[in-house]
Amino acid sequence: MLAPRSPTLKARGRVFAQIAEFHPELTAFRRDLHAHPELGFEEVYTGARVREALERCGVDEVHTGIGKTGLVAVIKGRQHTGGKMIGLRADMDALLMTEHNEFAWKSSRTGLMHGCGHDGHTAMLVGAARYLAATRNFDGTAVLIFQPGEEGFAGARVMIEDGLFDRFPVEAVYGMHNWPSMKPGTVGINPGPMMAAADRITIDITGRGGHGAHAYMTVDPVLVAGHIITAVQSIVSRNVKPIDSAVISLCAMHAGDLGAMSVVPGKATLVGTVRTFSPEVQDMIERRLNELCSAIALGFGATASVNYERIYPATINSENEAMFAADVAEAMLGVDHVVRDMEPSMGAEDFSFMLQVKPGAYMRIGQGAENGVGSCFLHNSRYDFNDDILPLGAALHAGLVEQSMPLSISV
């Protein structure tokens, strides 16, 4: 691999300064993870590398096998007067996609790629662990959560079901995600919605197949599908309040055989996604989809059923924790580099499961640079994490721990 380049990003405070000293090691660690991507619940190599790094850091405890391949590190502060416990989370898994980069640390595994920066998120949390274990300038316990299976596997939910917060009853939990459309040295957060709920819809249409030359003898499910595709777009425009947000996208259709030009199929299937922030809007869309699809199909003599699967809930920050996280970022970066009313994304994030059971906040850390480094958007085959932001992300994690659990004056 190429030697890590020198850091160019600067931030205030001793936390950042101390972590910046081992920035080259964090970069090498991140690039090694990038070269060895693994899918959700298959993070064996990643987990072993994380565990090795944590043990070298001198954390107090490392717990493995939580949520299948998840890890949790425990670091105790110099004081324990209040018994407070704060959680920090990073996701570890990669994507099922082919990488088209040519640098030395590109994926070594065909068809797998760290196309969302989870390698960087993991490296940032390892950097925070190294700093916190060395300094312990806090009163309480830091719980560092290395989560598997964020990319569609609901790894956060699996960890919770496996007793994550029963074993480590944190008072608040924080996470962050790189954001290529923001410059390095900037942070965005919102005291409310950050990411949308992600639901999957499958619409099965049943008609009566037959010969394309005698279509009058059929009930054409392709025709029904076309009307449903058009009509479904009216749900958002005519049923969702303008001040609310929702997206319905029908992204795939299957009907018939491409080699059978004159055969009207008996069935058609539509698959898509619904994105919302409000449970009330989510419920309404599910109801209207069922009503609309059934009525349209009935009008043509066909039938239609809707399978509505709620995959990830909306990621909603707790107001107090979001404002606190913004204050921590502002102390490091300055008021002009922290966006406190970040526009929510219609993308989804399974950190939402953690925020359903614990107060906390999810922030975005800018990584897109004018020189092109880190500027490809997420899930792009030429994406790469911008290593310049590793010390800042680690320092933000550590700052959340130190400032939420400050040492008493007597120490």
Protein backbone atom coordinates (compact mmCIF):
# COMPACT_ATOMS: atom_id res chain seq x y z
CA MET A 1 0.00 0.00 0.00
CA LEU A 2 1.03 3.60 -0.51
CA ALA A 3 2.32 5.45 2.55
CA PRO A 4 -0.42 7.53 4.24
CA ARG A 5 -0.18 11.18 3.33
CA SER A 6 0.28 13.94 5.89
CA PRO A 7 -2.92 15.40 7.37
CA THR A 8 -4.09 18.80 6.18
CA LEU A 9 -7.21 19.26 8.30
CA LYS A 10 -6.88 21.33 11.47
CA ALA A 11 -9.12 21.67 14.52
CA ARG A 12 -8.92 23.21 17.97
CA GLY A 13 -8.08 21.54 21.24
CA ARG A 14 -5.77 19.02 22.84
CA VAL A 15 -7.99 16.07 21.91
CA PHE A 16 -7.58 16.66 18.19
CA ALA A 17 -3.89 17.50 18.58
CA GLN A 18 -3.16 14.28 20.43
CA ILE A 19 -5.12 12.07 18.04
CA ALA A 20 -3.50 13.77 15.03
CA GLU A 21 -0.15 12.41 16.22
CA PHE A 22 -1.19 8.88 15.25
CA HIS A 23 -3.10 9.88 12.13
CA PRO A 24 -0.76 7.87 9.82
CA GLU A 25 -1.52 4.70 11.79
CA LEU A 26 -5.27 5.33 11.59
CA THR A 27 -4.95 5.85 7.86
CA ALA A 28 -3.08 2.58 7.39
CA PHE A 29 -5.69 0.79 9.50
CA ARG A 30 -8.56 2.30 7.52
CA ARG A 31 -7.00 1.39 4.19
CA ASP A 32 -6.46 -2.19 5.32
CA LEU A 33 -10.15 -2.45 6.16
CA HIS A 34 -11.00 -0.94 2.78
CA ALA A 35 -8.93 -3.61 1.04
CA HIS A 36 -10.78 -6.37 2.90
CA PRO A 37 -14.52 -5.54 2.74
CA GLU A 38 -17.09 -7.87 4.27
CA LEU A 39 -20.87 -7.99 4.14
CA GLY A 40 -23.16 -7.73 7.14
CA PHE A 41 -22.74 -10.49 9.75
CA GLU A 42 -19.65 -11.70 7.86
CA GLU A 43 -17.24 -9.15 9.39
CA VAL A 44 -14.77 -11.78 10.62
CA TYR A 45 -11.56 -10.17 9.36
CA THR A 46 -12.80 -6.69 10.27
CA GLY A 47 -13.81 -7.79 13.75
CA ALA A 48 -10.46 -9.47 14.35
CA ARG A 49 -8.57 -6.35 13.26
CA VAL A 50 -10.77 -4.15 15.46
CA ARG A 51 -10.32 -6.44 18.45
CA GLU A 52 -6.55 -6.49 17.97
CA ALA A 53 -6.45 -2.69 17.75
CA LEU A 54 -8.61 -2.29 20.86
CA GLU A 55 -6.50 -4.66 22.91
CA ARG A 56 -3.36 -2.79 21.87
CA CYS A 57 -5.04 0.44 22.91
CA GLY A 58 -5.48 -0.91 26.42
CA VAL A 59 -9.26 -0.72 26.70
CA ASP A 60 -10.67 -2.35 29.83
CA GLU A 61 -12.95 -4.88 28.17
CA VAL A 62 -13.68 -6.20 24.68
CA HIS A 63 -16.92 -8.13 24.18
CA THR A 64 -17.43 -10.04 20.95
CA GLY A 65 -20.32 -11.89 19.34
CA ILE A 66 -22.96 -9.32 20.25
CA GLY A 67 -25.41 -9.28 17.37
CA LYS A 68 -23.48 -12.10 15.67
CA THR A 69 -20.30 -10.27 14.63
CA GLY A 70 -20.61 -7.07 16.68
CA LEU A 71 -18.04 -5.91 19.22
CA VAL A 72 -18.24 -3.64 22.25
CA ALA A 73 -15.27 -2.02 23.98
CA VAL A 74 -15.52 -0.63 27.51
CA ILE A 75 -13.23 2.14 28.76
CA LYS A 76 -13.49 3.39 32.33
CA GLY A 77 -12.66 6.96 33.20
CA ARG A 78 -10.41 8.13 36.01
CA GLN A 79 -13.48 8.75 38.13
CA HIS A 80 -16.76 6.86 38.58
CA THR A 81 -18.66 9.12 40.95
CA GLY A 82 -21.91 9.24 39.03
CA GLY A 83 -21.89 5.88 37.31
CA LYS A 84 -22.70 7.53 33.99
CA MET A 85 -22.27 5.58 30.75
CA ILE A 86 -22.14 7.03 27.21
CA GLY A 87 -22.25 5.02 23.98
CA LEU A 88 -20.46 5.69 20.68
CA ARG A 89 -21.31 3.66 17.58
CA ALA A 90 -19.59 2.88 14.27
CA ASP A 91 -20.77 0.53 11.51
CA MET A 92 -18.35 -2.01 10.00
CA ASP A 93 -19.92 -3.68 6.95
CA ALA A 94 -19.35 -3.14 3.23
CA LEU A 95 -21.54 -3.30 0.13
CA LEU A 96 -22.25 -5.88 -2.54
CA MET A 97 -20.79 -3.84 -5.41
CA THR A 98 -17.70 -3.81 -7.61
CA GLU A 99 -15.04 -1.18 -6.96
CA HIS A 100 -13.59 0.73 -9.93
CA ASN A 101 -10.77 2.54 -8.14
CA GLU A 102 -7.14 1.79 -8.93
CA PHE A 103 -5.29 2.85 -5.78
CA ALA A 104 -3.20 0.38 -3.81
CA TRP A 105 -5.83 -0.23 -1.11
CA LYS A 106 -8.75 -0.97 -3.44
CA SER A 107 -10.92 -3.95 -2.62
CA SER A 108 -9.19 -7.32 -2.88
CA ARG A 109 -12.54 -9.11 -2.95
CA THR A 110 -14.45 -9.32 -6.21
CA GLY A 111 -17.92 -7.82 -6.00
CA LEU A 112 -17.45 -6.35 -2.51
CA MET A 113 -16.57 -2.76 -1.68
CA HIS A 114 -16.51 -0.25 1.14
CA GLY A 115 -18.64 2.14 -0.86
CA CYS A 116 -20.19 3.96 2.09
CA GLY A 117 -17.21 4.73 4.32
CA HIS A 118 -17.85 2.27 7.12
CA ASP A 119 -14.14 1.48 7.04
CA GLY A 120 -13.54 5.12 7.96
CA HIS A 121 -16.23 5.12 10.65
CA THR A 122 -14.62 2.07 12.25
CA ALA A 123 -11.15 3.65 12.09
CA MET A 124 -12.42 6.86 13.69
CA LEU A 125 -13.92 4.97 16.62
CA VAL A 126 -10.72 2.96 17.05
CA GLY A 127 -8.86 6.30 17.13
CA ALA A 128 -11.20 7.53 19.85
CA ALA A 129 -10.61 4.31 21.80
CA ARG A 130 -6.87 4.79 21.66
CA TYR A 131 -7.11 8.34 22.95
CA LEU A 132 -9.70 7.61 25.65
CA ALA A 133 -7.82 4.57 26.96
CA ALA A 134 -4.59 6.57 27.15
CA THR A 135 -6.01 9.69 28.84
CA ARG A 136 -9.20 8.63 30.68
CA ASN A 137 -10.12 12.28 31.26
CA PHE A 138 -13.74 11.59 32.13
CA ASP A 139 -15.96 10.54 35.01
CA GLY A 140 -17.87 7.43 34.00
CA THR A 141 -17.71 4.70 31.38
CA ALA A 142 -17.38 4.92 27.61
CA VAL A 143 -19.03 2.14 25.60
CA LEU A 144 -17.74 1.84 22.03
CA ILE A 145 -20.11 -0.11 19.77
CA PHE A 146 -18.74 -1.64 16.57
CA GLN A 147 -21.90 -2.64 14.74
CA PRO A 148 -22.28 -5.20 11.95
CA GLY A 149 -24.84 -5.29 9.18
CA GLU A 150 -25.96 -1.69 8.72
CA GLU A 151 -26.43 -2.08 4.97
CA GLY A 152 -29.87 -3.65 4.94
CA PHE A 153 -29.33 -6.25 7.66
CA ALA A 154 -30.62 -4.18 10.62
CA GLY A 155 -27.50 -4.96 12.62
CA ALA A 156 -28.36 -2.32 15.22
CA ARG A 157 -31.68 -4.03 15.92
CA VAL A 158 -29.95 -7.42 16.13
CA MET A 159 -27.43 -6.08 18.66
CA ILE A 160 -30.25 -4.60 20.75
CA GLU A 161 -32.20 -7.87 20.63
CA ASP A 162 -29.00 -9.61 21.73
CA GLY A 163 -28.94 -7.54 24.91
CA LEU A 164 -26.70 -4.63 23.93
CA PHE A 165 -28.34 -2.02 26.13
CA ASP A 166 -29.21 -4.52 28.87
CA ARG A 167 -25.51 -5.31 29.28
CA PHE A 168 -24.36 -1.74 28.64
CA PRO A 169 -27.14 0.59 29.86
CA VAL A 170 -25.85 3.81 28.31
CA GLU A 171 -27.63 7.07 29.08
CA ALA A 172 -27.14 8.32 25.52
CA VAL A 173 -25.66 7.03 22.27
CA TYR A 174 -23.99 8.93 19.42
CA GLY A 175 -23.10 8.07 15.83
CA MET A 176 -21.78 9.84 12.76
CA HIS A 177 -21.58 9.31 9.02
CA ASN A 178 -19.26 10.85 6.47
CA TRP A 179 -20.96 13.15 3.97
CA PRO A 180 -19.20 13.78 0.62
CA SER A 181 -21.30 16.84 -0.24
CA MET A 182 -19.89 18.70 2.79
CA LYS A 183 -16.31 19.97 3.02
CA PRO A 184 -13.83 18.49 5.51
CA GLY A 185 -13.83 20.37 8.78
CA THR A 186 -17.61 20.78 8.80
CA VAL A 187 -20.30 18.98 10.77
CA GLY A 188 -24.05 18.89 10.21
CA ILE A 189 -26.77 17.95 12.68
CA ASN A 190 -30.45 18.52 13.33
CA PRO A 191 -32.42 18.37 16.61
CA GLY A 192 -34.99 16.12 14.99
CA PRO A 193 -35.19 14.07 11.77
CA MET A 194 -31.85 13.21 10.14
CA MET A 195 -32.73 10.21 7.94
CA ALA A 196 -36.01 8.83 6.67
CA ALA A 197 -37.72 5.53 7.36
CA ALA A 198 -37.10 2.99 4.61
CA ASP A 199 -39.93 0.63 3.64
CA ARG A 200 -40.10 -1.96 0.87
CA ILE A 201 -43.27 -2.44 -1.16
CA THR A 202 -44.11 -5.39 -3.36
CA ILE A 203 -47.26 -5.19 -5.50
CA ASP A 204 -48.43 -8.47 -7.02
CA ILE A 205 -50.97 -8.14 -9.83
CA THR A 206 -52.91 -11.15 -11.07
CA GLY A 207 -54.84 -11.06 -14.34
CA ARG A 208 -55.54 -13.63 -17.06
CA GLY A 209 -52.87 -14.40 -19.60
CA GLY A 210 -53.36 -15.20 -23.24
CA HIS A 211 -52.33 -14.47 -26.83
CA GLY A 212 -51.23 -10.93 -27.57
CA ALA A 213 -53.14 -11.02 -30.86
CA HIS A 214 -56.35 -11.68 -28.93
CA ALA A 215 -55.88 -9.30 -26.02
CA TYR A 216 -59.64 -8.89 -25.63
CA MET A 217 -59.68 -12.40 -24.21
CA THR A 218 -57.15 -11.54 -21.49
CA VAL A 219 -56.96 -9.43 -18.36
CA ASP A 220 -53.63 -7.76 -18.98
CA PRO A 221 -51.62 -7.30 -15.75
CA VAL A 222 -49.03 -5.18 -17.60
CA LEU A 223 -51.71 -2.63 -18.43
CA VAL A 224 -52.87 -2.69 -14.81
CA ALA A 225 -49.28 -2.22 -13.64
CA GLY A 226 -48.93 0.84 -15.87
CA HIS A 227 -52.00 2.47 -14.34
CA ILE A 228 -50.83 1.64 -10.82
CA ILE A 229 -47.37 3.13 -11.49
CA THR A 230 -48.96 6.40 -12.59
CA ALA A 231 -51.64 6.53 -9.91
CA VAL A 232 -49.30 5.77 -7.01
CA GLN A 233 -47.47 9.05 -7.65
CA SER A 234 -50.67 10.89 -6.70
CA ILE A 235 -50.43 9.67 -3.12
CA VAL A 236 -47.66 12.08 -2.16
CA SER A 237 -48.99 14.99 -4.23
CA ARG A 238 -52.61 14.62 -3.09
CA ASN A 239 -52.52 12.92 0.32
CA VAL A 240 -49.35 14.13 2.04
CA LYS A 241 -49.36 17.63 3.50
CA PRO A 242 -46.91 19.97 1.73
CA ILE A 243 -45.09 20.62 5.02
CA ASP A 244 -44.48 16.87 5.45
CA SER A 245 -42.05 14.82 3.37
CA ALA A 246 -42.48 11.51 1.60
CA VAL A 247 -41.17 9.65 -1.43
CA ILE A 248 -42.71 6.67 -3.21
CA SER A 249 -40.52 5.11 -5.90
CA LEU A 250 -41.47 2.03 -7.88
CA CYS A 251 -38.06 0.89 -9.02
CA ALA A 252 -38.54 -2.53 -10.61
CA MET A 253 -41.16 -4.37 -12.65
CA HIS A 254 -41.35 -7.97 -13.76
CA ALA A 255 -43.92 -9.39 -16.10
CA GLY A 256 -43.82 -11.93 -18.89
CA ASP A 257 -40.88 -13.24 -20.90
CA LEU A 258 -38.70 -11.04 -23.10
CA GLY A 259 -38.52 -13.89 -25.60
CA ALA A 260 -42.29 -14.20 -25.88
CA MET A 261 -43.42 -11.10 -27.73
CA SER A 262 -46.99 -12.26 -28.26
CA VAL A 263 -47.82 -13.72 -24.85
CA VAL A 264 -49.81 -11.65 -22.38
CA PRO A 265 -48.60 -12.83 -18.95
CA GLY A 266 -50.91 -13.78 -16.13
CA LYS A 267 -49.03 -11.91 -13.46
CA ALA A 268 -46.92 -8.78 -12.92
CA THR A 269 -44.92 -7.62 -9.93
CA LEU A 270 -43.80 -4.12 -8.94
CA VAL A 271 -41.14 -3.48 -6.30
CA GLY A 272 -40.23 -0.15 -4.77
CA THR A 273 -39.54 1.88 -1.67
CA VAL A 274 -41.37 4.38 0.52
CA ARG A 275 -39.46 7.01 2.52
CA THR A 276 -41.10 9.02 5.32
CA PHE A 277 -40.25 10.80 8.59
CA SER A 278 -43.60 10.59 10.36
CA PRO A 279 -45.31 7.34 11.51
CA GLU A 280 -48.66 8.97 10.70
CA VAL A 281 -47.59 9.62 7.09
CA GLN A 282 -46.13 6.12 6.91
CA ASP A 283 -49.43 4.58 8.05
CA MET A 284 -51.43 6.70 5.63
CA ILE A 285 -49.25 5.74 2.64
CA GLU A 286 -49.53 2.04 3.45
CA ARG A 287 -53.32 2.37 3.66
CA ARG A 288 -53.61 4.37 0.43
CA LEU A 289 -51.36 1.96 -1.47
CA ASN A 290 -53.61 -0.92 -0.53
CA GLU A 291 -56.77 1.00 -1.42
CA LEU A 292 -55.47 2.39 -4.71
CA CYS A 293 -53.86 -0.77 -6.05
CA SER A 294 -56.85 -2.91 -5.19
CA ALA A 295 -59.33 -0.47 -6.75
CA ILE A 296 -57.33 0.02 -9.96
CA ALA A 297 -56.88 -3.71 -10.45
CA LEU A 298 -60.58 -4.31 -9.77
CA GLY A 299 -61.49 -1.76 -12.43
CA PHE A 300 -59.71 -3.90 -15.03
CA GLY A 301 -61.00 -7.20 -13.73
CA ALA A 302 -57.69 -8.11 -12.07
CA THR A 303 -56.56 -8.34 -8.46
CA ALA A 304 -53.64 -6.69 -6.70
CA SER A 305 -52.07 -7.25 -3.29
CA VAL A 306 -49.55 -5.04 -1.51
CA ASN A 307 -46.88 -6.39 0.81
CA TYR A 308 -45.61 -3.42 2.86
CA GLU A 309 -42.42 -4.16 4.81
CA ARG A 310 -41.09 -1.65 7.33
CA ILE A 311 -37.32 -2.08 7.08
CA TYR A 312 -35.70 0.83 8.97
CA PRO A 313 -37.50 3.46 11.08
CA ALA A 314 -36.71 7.15 10.71
CA THR A 315 -33.53 8.41 12.38
CA ILE A 316 -34.75 11.06 14.82
CA ASN A 317 -32.26 12.87 17.04
CA SER A 318 -33.11 13.76 20.64
CA GLU A 319 -33.12 17.55 20.92
CA ASN A 320 -30.86 17.87 23.98
CA GLU A 321 -28.30 15.37 22.71
CA ALA A 322 -28.26 16.94 19.23
CA MET A 323 -27.61 20.39 20.66
CA PHE A 324 -24.91 18.98 22.93
CA ALA A 325 -23.19 17.24 20.00
CA ALA A 326 -23.33 20.48 18.02
CA ASP A 327 -21.70 22.32 20.93
CA VAL A 328 -18.89 19.75 21.06
CA ALA A 329 -18.30 20.12 17.32
CA GLU A 330 -18.46 23.90 17.52
CA ALA A 331 -15.79 23.97 20.24
CA MET A 332 -13.42 22.15 17.89
CA LEU A 333 -14.34 23.72 14.56
CA GLY A 334 -15.92 27.10 15.27
CA VAL A 335 -19.45 28.31 14.81
CA ASP A 336 -19.10 28.81 11.05
CA HIS A 337 -18.26 25.13 10.49
CA VAL A 338 -21.23 23.54 12.26
CA VAL A 339 -24.65 23.39 10.61
CA ARG A 340 -27.26 23.04 13.36
CA ASP A 341 -30.28 22.76 11.05
CA MET A 342 -28.96 20.16 8.62
CA GLU A 343 -31.43 19.24 5.91
CA PRO A 344 -32.66 15.68 6.53
CA SER A 345 -31.87 13.00 3.96
CA MET A 346 -34.45 10.65 2.49
CA GLY A 347 -31.84 7.91 2.80
CA ALA A 348 -32.11 5.55 5.77
CA GLU A 349 -29.83 4.43 8.61
CA ASP A 350 -30.27 1.64 11.12
CA PHE A 351 -28.80 3.75 13.93
CA SER A 352 -32.49 4.66 14.08
CA PHE A 353 -33.14 1.48 16.07
CA MET A 354 -30.75 2.69 18.78
CA LEU A 355 -32.42 6.10 18.88
CA GLN A 356 -35.79 4.41 19.39
CA VAL A 357 -34.65 3.04 22.75
CA LYS A 358 -32.00 5.55 23.87
CA PRO A 359 -31.61 9.33 23.67
CA GLY A 360 -28.85 10.31 21.31
CA ALA A 361 -27.78 12.03 18.13
CA TYR A 362 -26.52 11.20 14.67
CA MET A 363 -24.35 13.71 12.85
CA ARG A 364 -22.75 14.10 9.45
CA ILE A 365 -19.06 14.85 9.10
CA GLY A 366 -17.97 16.51 5.87
CA GLN A 367 -15.42 14.72 3.72
CA GLY A 368 -15.77 16.07 0.18
CA ALA A 369 -12.81 18.19 -0.91
CA GLU A 370 -12.30 20.61 -3.77
CA ASN A 371 -9.35 18.55 -5.01
CA GLY A 372 -11.74 15.66 -5.60
CA VAL A 373 -10.63 13.49 -2.70
CA GLY A 374 -13.67 11.95 -1.07
CA SER A 375 -16.04 13.77 -3.39
CA CYS A 376 -17.75 10.76 -4.98
CA PHE A 377 -21.09 10.30 -3.29
CA LEU A 378 -21.94 7.26 -1.20
CA HIS A 379 -22.53 3.91 -2.95
CA ASN A 380 -20.50 5.05 -5.97
CA SER A 381 -18.08 2.49 -7.45
CA ARG A 382 -15.28 5.10 -7.30
CA TYR A 383 -16.00 6.26 -3.77
CA ASP A 384 -13.25 6.34 -1.14
CA PHE A 385 -13.19 7.63 2.40
CA ASN A 386 -11.20 10.85 2.87
CA ASP A 387 -8.47 9.96 5.37
CA ASP A 388 -7.92 13.64 6.24
CA ILE A 389 -10.98 13.57 8.48
CA LEU A 390 -9.95 10.55 10.57
CA PRO A 391 -8.46 12.59 13.46
CA LEU A 392 -11.43 14.94 13.51
CA GLY A 393 -13.99 12.14 13.62
CA ALA A 394 -12.04 10.39 16.38
CA ALA A 395 -11.74 13.66 18.31
CA LEU A 396 -15.46 14.33 18.01
CA HIS A 397 -16.20 10.88 19.44
CA ALA A 398 -13.76 11.45 22.29
CA GLY A 399 -15.06 14.96 22.91
CA LEU A 400 -18.59 13.66 23.33
CA VAL A 401 -17.36 11.34 26.08
CA GLU A 402 -15.18 13.90 27.89
CA GLN A 403 -17.72 16.71 27.80
CA SER A 404 -20.73 14.61 28.72
CA MET A 405 -18.86 13.05 31.64
CA PRO A 406 -16.41 15.74 32.84
CA LEU A 407 -13.94 15.09 35.64
CA SER A 408 -14.50 16.91 38.92
CA ILE A 409 -12.24 19.89 39.68
CA SER A 410 -10.38 17.97 42.38
CA VAL A 411 -8.69 15.68 39.81
